[in-house]
């Protein structure tokens, strides 16, 4: 395993998680927005892209994410 983790552009996982739990909102990365520009260098040539998130469930006050293969 890794002994150290370098934060990407100052993003700290524990801080982001706490903020999301307190606000009740899912994290949206302003550096990687859910837009075609994040995926394509010279424009979308494949058609409509549907951005999806994992389903989220609150159990015993903890956040559990379930990735479903749909």
PDB file of N, CA and C in Angstrom:
ATOM      1  N   UNK A   1       0.831  -1.189   0.000  1.00  0.00           N
ATOM      2  CA  UNK A   1       0.000   0.000   0.000  1.00  0.00           C
ATOM      3  C   UNK A   1       0.871   1.247   0.000  1.00  0.00           C
ATOM      4  N   UNK A   2       0.241   2.343  -0.314  1.00  0.00           N
ATOM      5  CA  UNK A   2       0.943   3.611  -0.322  1.00  0.00           C
ATOM      6  C   UNK A   2       1.108   4.128   1.099  1.00  0.00           C
ATOM      7  N   UNK A   3       2.243   4.727   1.367  1.00  0.00           N
ATOM      8  CA  UNK A   3       2.467   5.284   2.697  1.00  0.00           C
ATOM      9  C   UNK A   3       2.065   6.753   2.756  1.00  0.00           C
ATOM     10  N   UNK A   4       2.087   7.428   1.620  1.00  0.00           N
ATOM     11  CA  UNK A   4       1.664   8.824   1.582  1.00  0.00           C
ATOM     12  C   UNK A   4       0.779   9.048   0.366  1.00  0.00           C
ATOM     13  N   UNK A   5      -0.127   9.970   0.511  1.00  0.00           N
ATOM     14  CA  UNK A   5      -1.021  10.330  -0.584  1.00  0.00           C
ATOM     15  C   UNK A   5      -0.872  11.819  -0.817  1.00  0.00           C
ATOM     16  N   UNK A   6      -0.643  12.193  -2.053  1.00  0.00           N
ATOM     17  CA  UNK A   6      -0.508  13.605  -2.393  1.00  0.00           C
ATOM     18  C   UNK A   6      -1.866  14.127  -2.858  1.00  0.00           C
ATOM     19  N   UNK A   7      -2.350  15.157  -2.198  1.00  0.00           N
ATOM     20  CA  UNK A   7      -3.647  15.737  -2.543  1.00  0.00           C
ATOM     21  C   UNK A   7      -3.581  16.395  -3.917  1.00  0.00           C
ATOM     22  N   UNK A   8      -4.615  16.198  -4.712  1.00  0.00           N
ATOM     23  CA  UNK A   8      -4.691  16.824  -6.029  1.00  0.00           C
ATOM     24  C   UNK A   8      -5.204  18.243  -5.868  1.00  0.00           C
ATOM     25  N   UNK A   9      -4.391  19.199  -6.207  1.00  0.00           N
ATOM     26  CA  UNK A   9      -4.734  20.625  -6.150  1.00  0.00           C
ATOM     27  C   UNK A   9      -5.388  21.007  -4.826  1.00  0.00           C
ATOM     28  N   UNK A  10      -4.829  20.481  -3.748  1.00  0.00           N
ATOM     29  CA  UNK A  10      -5.294  20.851  -2.416  1.00  0.00           C
ATOM     30  C   UNK A  10      -6.580  20.185  -1.966  1.00  0.00           C
ATOM     31  N   UNK A  11      -7.111  19.255  -2.755  1.00  0.00           N
ATOM     32  CA  UNK A  11      -8.346  18.577  -2.360  1.00  0.00           C
ATOM     33  C   UNK A  11      -8.024  17.505  -1.324  1.00  0.00           C
ATOM     34  N   UNK A  12      -8.597  17.630  -0.152  1.00  0.00           N
ATOM     35  CA  UNK A  12      -8.410  16.655   0.921  1.00  0.00           C
ATOM     36  C   UNK A  12      -9.680  15.819   1.044  1.00  0.00           C
ATOM     37  N   UNK A  13      -9.549  14.506   0.855  1.00  0.00           N
ATOM     38  CA  UNK A  13     -10.713  13.623   0.866  1.00  0.00           C
ATOM     39  C   UNK A  13     -11.554  13.786   2.128  1.00  0.00           C
ATOM     40  N   UNK A  14     -10.915  13.770   3.290  1.00  0.00           N
ATOM     41  CA  UNK A  14     -11.670  13.832   4.546  1.00  0.00           C
ATOM     42  C   UNK A  14     -12.455  15.140   4.658  1.00  0.00           C
ATOM     43  N   UNK A  15     -11.877  16.232   4.197  1.00  0.00           N
ATOM     44  CA  UNK A  15     -12.564  17.527   4.235  1.00  0.00           C
ATOM     45  C   UNK A  15     -13.742  17.537   3.269  1.00  0.00           C
ATOM     46  N   UNK A  16     -13.516  17.040   2.052  1.00  0.00           N
ATOM     47  CA  UNK A  16     -14.592  16.995   1.059  1.00  0.00           C
ATOM     48  C   UNK A  16     -15.736  16.101   1.530  1.00  0.00           C
ATOM     49  N   UNK A  17     -15.403  14.951   2.100  1.00  0.00           N
ATOM     50  CA  UNK A  17     -16.426  14.024   2.590  1.00  0.00           C
ATOM     51  C   UNK A  17     -17.243  14.668   3.706  1.00  0.00           C
ATOM     52  N   UNK A  18     -16.557  15.312   4.655  1.00  0.00           N
ATOM     53  CA  UNK A  18     -17.253  15.967   5.768  1.00  0.00           C
ATOM     54  C   UNK A  18     -18.204  17.041   5.249  1.00  0.00           C
ATOM     55  N   UNK A  19     -17.746  17.845   4.287  1.00  0.00           N
ATOM     56  CA  UNK A  19     -18.589  18.900   3.727  1.00  0.00           C
ATOM     57  C   UNK A  19     -19.824  18.320   3.039  1.00  0.00           C
ATOM     58  N   UNK A  20     -19.643  17.225   2.313  1.00  0.00           N
ATOM     59  CA  UNK A  20     -20.775  16.588   1.633  1.00  0.00           C
ATOM     60  C   UNK A  20     -21.763  16.012   2.636  1.00  0.00           C
ATOM     61  N   UNK A  21     -21.256  15.367   3.675  1.00  0.00           N
ATOM     62  CA  UNK A  21     -22.136  14.798   4.692  1.00  0.00           C
ATOM     63  C   UNK A  21     -22.902  15.888   5.432  1.00  0.00           C
ATOM     64  N   UNK A  22     -22.238  16.992   5.739  1.00  0.00           N
ATOM     65  CA  UNK A  22     -22.896  18.086   6.455  1.00  0.00           C
ATOM     66  C   UNK A  22     -23.948  18.776   5.597  1.00  0.00           C
ATOM     67  N   UNK A  23     -23.658  18.941   4.309  1.00  0.00           N
ATOM     68  CA  UNK A  23     -24.580  19.658   3.432  1.00  0.00           C
ATOM     69  C   UNK A  23     -25.656  18.750   2.843  1.00  0.00           C
ATOM     70  N   UNK A  24     -25.395  17.428   2.839  1.00  0.00           N
ATOM     71  CA  UNK A  24     -26.338  16.498   2.231  1.00  0.00           C
ATOM     72  C   UNK A  24     -26.262  16.492   0.714  1.00  0.00           C
ATOM     73  N   UNK A  25     -25.210  17.102   0.156  1.00  0.00           N
ATOM     74  CA  UNK A  25     -25.040  17.170  -1.295  1.00  0.00           C
ATOM     75  C   UNK A  25     -23.931  16.235  -1.746  1.00  0.00           C
ATOM     76  N   UNK A  26     -24.047  15.731  -2.970  1.00  0.00           N
ATOM     77  CA  UNK A  26     -22.996  14.899  -3.538  1.00  0.00           C
ATOM     78  C   UNK A  26     -21.867  15.790  -4.044  1.00  0.00           C
ATOM     79  N   UNK A  27     -20.661  15.274  -4.023  1.00  0.00           N
ATOM     80  CA  UNK A  27     -19.493  16.028  -4.473  1.00  0.00           C
ATOM     81  C   UNK A  27     -19.528  16.225  -5.982  1.00  0.00           C
ATOM     82  N   UNK A  28     -19.261  17.436  -6.412  1.00  0.00           N
ATOM     83  CA  UNK A  28     -19.091  17.759  -7.825  1.00  0.00           C
ATOM     84  C   UNK A  28     -17.761  18.480  -7.956  1.00  0.00           C
ATOM     85  N   UNK A  29     -16.852  17.896  -8.713  1.00  0.00           N
ATOM     86  CA  UNK A  29     -15.507  18.447  -8.852  1.00  0.00           C
ATOM     87  C   UNK A  29     -15.508  19.599  -9.854  1.00  0.00           C
ATOM     88  N   UNK A  30     -15.220  20.817  -9.406  1.00  0.00           N
ATOM     89  CA  UNK A  30     -15.205  21.953 -10.329  1.00  0.00           C
ATOM     90  C   UNK A  30     -14.088  21.841 -11.366  1.00  0.00           C
ATOM     91  N   UNK A  31     -13.089  20.994 -11.106  1.00  0.00           N
ATOM     92  CA  UNK A  31     -11.979  20.818 -12.053  1.00  0.00           C
ATOM     93  C   UNK A  31     -12.288  19.763 -13.114  1.00  0.00           C
ATOM     94  N   UNK A  32     -13.365  18.986 -12.903  1.00  0.00           N
ATOM     95  CA  UNK A  32     -13.770  17.949 -13.853  1.00  0.00           C
ATOM     96  C   UNK A  32     -15.298  17.926 -13.915  1.00  0.00           C
ATOM     97  N   UNK A  33     -15.895  18.972 -14.508  1.00  0.00           N
ATOM     98  CA  UNK A  33     -17.355  19.046 -14.553  1.00  0.00           C
ATOM     99  C   UNK A  33     -17.952  17.967 -15.466  1.00  0.00           C
ATOM    100  N   UNK A  34     -19.191  17.620 -15.213  1.00  0.00           N
ATOM    101  CA  UNK A  34     -19.883  16.601 -16.012  1.00  0.00           C
ATOM    102  C   UNK A  34     -20.376  17.224 -17.320  1.00  0.00           C
ATOM    103  N   UNK A  35     -19.426  17.569 -18.179  1.00  0.00           N
ATOM    104  CA  UNK A  35     -19.743  18.165 -19.478  1.00  0.00           C
ATOM    105  C   UNK A  35     -18.928  17.474 -20.566  1.00  0.00           C
ATOM    106  N   UNK A  36     -19.343  17.653 -21.805  1.00  0.00           N
ATOM    107  CA  UNK A  36     -18.603  17.073 -22.926  1.00  0.00           C
ATOM    108  C   UNK A  36     -17.158  17.571 -22.973  1.00  0.00           C
ATOM    109  N   UNK A  37     -16.932  18.810 -22.566  1.00  0.00           N
ATOM    110  CA  UNK A  37     -15.579  19.376 -22.604  1.00  0.00           C
ATOM    111  C   UNK A  37     -14.596  18.597 -21.729  1.00  0.00           C
ATOM    112  N   UNK A  38     -15.095  17.919 -20.703  1.00  0.00           N
ATOM    113  CA  UNK A  38     -14.224  17.127 -19.835  1.00  0.00           C
ATOM    114  C   UNK A  38     -13.786  15.824 -20.491  1.00  0.00           C
ATOM    115  N   UNK A  39     -14.504  15.395 -21.511  1.00  0.00           N
ATOM    116  CA  UNK A  39     -14.226  14.106 -22.136  1.00  0.00           C
ATOM    117  C   UNK A  39     -13.597  14.194 -23.522  1.00  0.00           C
ATOM    118  N   UNK A  40     -13.874  15.259 -24.239  1.00  0.00           N
ATOM    119  CA  UNK A  40     -13.468  15.329 -25.637  1.00  0.00           C
ATOM    120  C   UNK A  40     -12.561  16.523 -25.893  1.00  0.00           C
ATOM    121  N   UNK A  41     -11.493  16.276 -26.623  1.00  0.00           N
ATOM    122  CA  UNK A  41     -10.530  17.333 -26.943  1.00  0.00           C
ATOM    123  C   UNK A  41     -11.047  18.250 -28.044  1.00  0.00           C
ATOM    124  N   UNK A  42     -11.644  17.669 -29.072  1.00  0.00           N
ATOM    125  CA  UNK A  42     -12.115  18.463 -30.209  1.00  0.00           C
ATOM    126  C   UNK A  42     -13.607  18.272 -30.456  1.00  0.00           C
ATOM    127  N   UNK A  43     -14.383  18.280 -29.412  1.00  0.00           N
ATOM    128  CA  UNK A  43     -15.827  18.169 -29.561  1.00  0.00           C
ATOM    129  C   UNK A  43     -16.322  16.737 -29.541  1.00  0.00           C
ATOM    130  N   UNK A  44     -17.556  16.585 -29.151  1.00  0.00           N
ATOM    131  CA  UNK A  44     -18.194  15.279 -29.040  1.00  0.00           C
ATOM    132  C   UNK A  44     -18.559  14.768 -30.423  1.00  0.00           C
ATOM    133  N   UNK A  45     -17.972  13.633 -30.805  1.00  0.00           N
ATOM    134  CA  UNK A  45     -18.270  13.023 -32.107  1.00  0.00           C
ATOM    135  C   UNK A  45     -19.048  11.720 -31.971  1.00  0.00           C
ATOM    136  N   UNK A  46     -19.413  11.356 -30.735  1.00  0.00           N
ATOM    137  CA  UNK A  46     -20.101  10.076 -30.539  1.00  0.00           C
ATOM    138  C   UNK A  46     -21.574  10.236 -30.201  1.00  0.00           C
ATOM    139  N   UNK A  47     -22.031  11.444 -29.958  1.00  0.00           N
ATOM    140  CA  UNK A  47     -23.433  11.647 -29.612  1.00  0.00           C
ATOM    141  C   UNK A  47     -23.619  11.969 -28.144  1.00  0.00           C
ATOM    142  N   UNK A  48     -24.832  11.798 -27.693  1.00  0.00           N
ATOM    143  CA  UNK A  48     -25.209  12.178 -26.329  1.00  0.00           C
ATOM    144  C   UNK A  48     -24.475  11.330 -25.289  1.00  0.00           C
ATOM    145  N   UNK A  49     -23.917  11.992 -24.289  1.00  0.00           N
ATOM    146  CA  UNK A  49     -23.243  11.320 -23.178  1.00  0.00           C
ATOM    147  C   UNK A  49     -24.107  11.494 -21.938  1.00  0.00           C
ATOM    148  N   UNK A  50     -24.375  10.395 -21.244  1.00  0.00           N
ATOM    149  CA  UNK A  50     -25.157  10.442 -20.014  1.00  0.00           C
ATOM    150  C   UNK A  50     -24.200  10.228 -18.846  1.00  0.00           C
ATOM    151  N   UNK A  51     -24.093  11.232 -18.001  1.00  0.00           N
ATOM    152  CA  UNK A  51     -23.239  11.134 -16.812  1.00  0.00           C
ATOM    153  C   UNK A  51     -24.047  10.480 -15.709  1.00  0.00           C
ATOM    154  N   UNK A  52     -23.471   9.450 -15.078  1.00  0.00           N
ATOM    155  CA  UNK A  52     -24.174   8.730 -14.018  1.00  0.00           C
ATOM    156  C   UNK A  52     -23.356   8.744 -12.738  1.00  0.00           C
ATOM    157  N   UNK A  53     -24.041   8.547 -11.639  1.00  0.00           N
ATOM    158  CA  UNK A  53     -23.407   8.459 -10.326  1.00  0.00           C
ATOM    159  C   UNK A  53     -23.761   7.118  -9.703  1.00  0.00           C
ATOM    160  N   UNK A  54     -22.928   6.671  -8.767  1.00  0.00           N
ATOM    161  CA  UNK A  54     -23.305   5.459  -8.029  1.00  0.00           C
ATOM    162  C   UNK A  54     -24.516   5.757  -7.160  1.00  0.00           C
ATOM    163  N   UNK A  55     -25.267   4.728  -6.853  1.00  0.00           N
ATOM    164  CA  UNK A  55     -26.388   4.915  -5.930  1.00  0.00           C
ATOM    165  C   UNK A  55     -25.824   5.056  -4.525  1.00  0.00           C
ATOM    166  N   UNK A  56     -26.466   5.879  -3.727  1.00  0.00           N
ATOM    167  CA  UNK A  56     -25.977   6.153  -2.378  1.00  0.00           C
ATOM    168  C   UNK A  56     -27.049   5.763  -1.373  1.00  0.00           C
ATOM    169  N   UNK A  57     -26.637   5.143  -0.294  1.00  0.00           N
ATOM    170  CA  UNK A  57     -27.559   4.738   0.756  1.00  0.00           C
ATOM    171  C   UNK A  57     -26.989   5.161   2.104  1.00  0.00           C
ATOM    172  N   UNK A  58     -27.837   5.638   2.982  1.00  0.00           N
ATOM    173  CA  UNK A  58     -27.407   6.030   4.329  1.00  0.00           C
ATOM    174  C   UNK A  58     -27.737   4.888   5.278  1.00  0.00           C
ATOM    175  N   UNK A  59     -26.721   4.299   5.882  1.00  0.00           N
ATOM    176  CA  UNK A  59     -26.909   3.202   6.822  1.00  0.00           C
ATOM    177  C   UNK A  59     -26.157   3.508   8.111  1.00  0.00           C
ATOM    178  N   UNK A  60     -26.851   3.491   9.212  1.00  0.00           N
ATOM    179  CA  UNK A  60     -26.241   3.704  10.529  1.00  0.00           C
ATOM    180  C   UNK A  60     -25.425   4.988  10.594  1.00  0.00           C
ATOM    181  N   UNK A  61     -25.861   6.025   9.901  1.00  0.00           N
ATOM    182  CA  UNK A  61     -25.166   7.300   9.947  1.00  0.00           C
ATOM    183  C   UNK A  61     -23.909   7.353   9.104  1.00  0.00           C
ATOM    184  N   UNK A  62     -23.588   6.284   8.414  1.00  0.00           N
ATOM    185  CA  UNK A  62     -22.384   6.255   7.576  1.00  0.00           C
ATOM    186  C   UNK A  62     -22.796   6.240   6.107  1.00  0.00           C
ATOM    187  N   UNK A  63     -21.929   6.722   5.271  1.00  0.00           N
ATOM    188  CA  UNK A  63     -22.205   6.767   3.842  1.00  0.00           C
ATOM    189  C   UNK A  63     -21.619   5.530   3.176  1.00  0.00           C
ATOM    190  N   UNK A  64     -22.465   4.790   2.483  1.00  0.00           N
ATOM    191  CA  UNK A  64     -22.018   3.625   1.736  1.00  0.00           C
ATOM    192  C   UNK A  64     -22.382   3.845   0.278  1.00  0.00           C
ATOM    193  N   UNK A  65     -21.464   3.587  -0.612  1.00  0.00           N
ATOM    194  CA  UNK A  65     -21.741   3.739  -2.027  1.00  0.00           C
ATOM    195  C   UNK A  65     -21.783   2.360  -2.667  1.00  0.00           C
ATOM    196  N   UNK A  66     -22.792   2.141  -3.474  1.00  0.00           N
ATOM    197  CA  UNK A  66     -22.944   0.876  -4.168  1.00  0.00           C
ATOM    198  C   UNK A  66     -22.828   1.134  -5.658  1.00  0.00           C
ATOM    199  N   UNK A  67     -21.867   0.532  -6.300  1.00  0.00           N
ATOM    200  CA  UNK A  67     -21.678   0.697  -7.728  1.00  0.00           C
ATOM    201  C   UNK A  67     -22.417  -0.432  -8.427  1.00  0.00           C
ATOM    202  N   UNK A  68     -23.442  -0.082  -9.165  1.00  0.00           N
ATOM    203  CA  UNK A  68     -24.258  -1.083  -9.827  1.00  0.00           C
ATOM    204  C   UNK A  68     -23.882  -1.166 -11.298  1.00  0.00           C
ATOM    205  N   UNK A  69     -23.746  -2.371 -11.834  1.00  0.00           N
ATOM    206  CA  UNK A  69     -23.292  -2.544 -13.219  1.00  0.00           C
ATOM    207  C   UNK A  69     -24.406  -2.381 -14.243  1.00  0.00           C
ATOM    208  N   UNK A  70     -25.042  -1.224 -14.303  1.00  0.00           N
ATOM    209  CA  UNK A  70     -26.061  -0.994 -15.341  1.00  0.00           C
ATOM    210  C   UNK A  70     -25.458  -0.108 -16.392  1.00  0.00           C
TER     211      UNK A  70
END
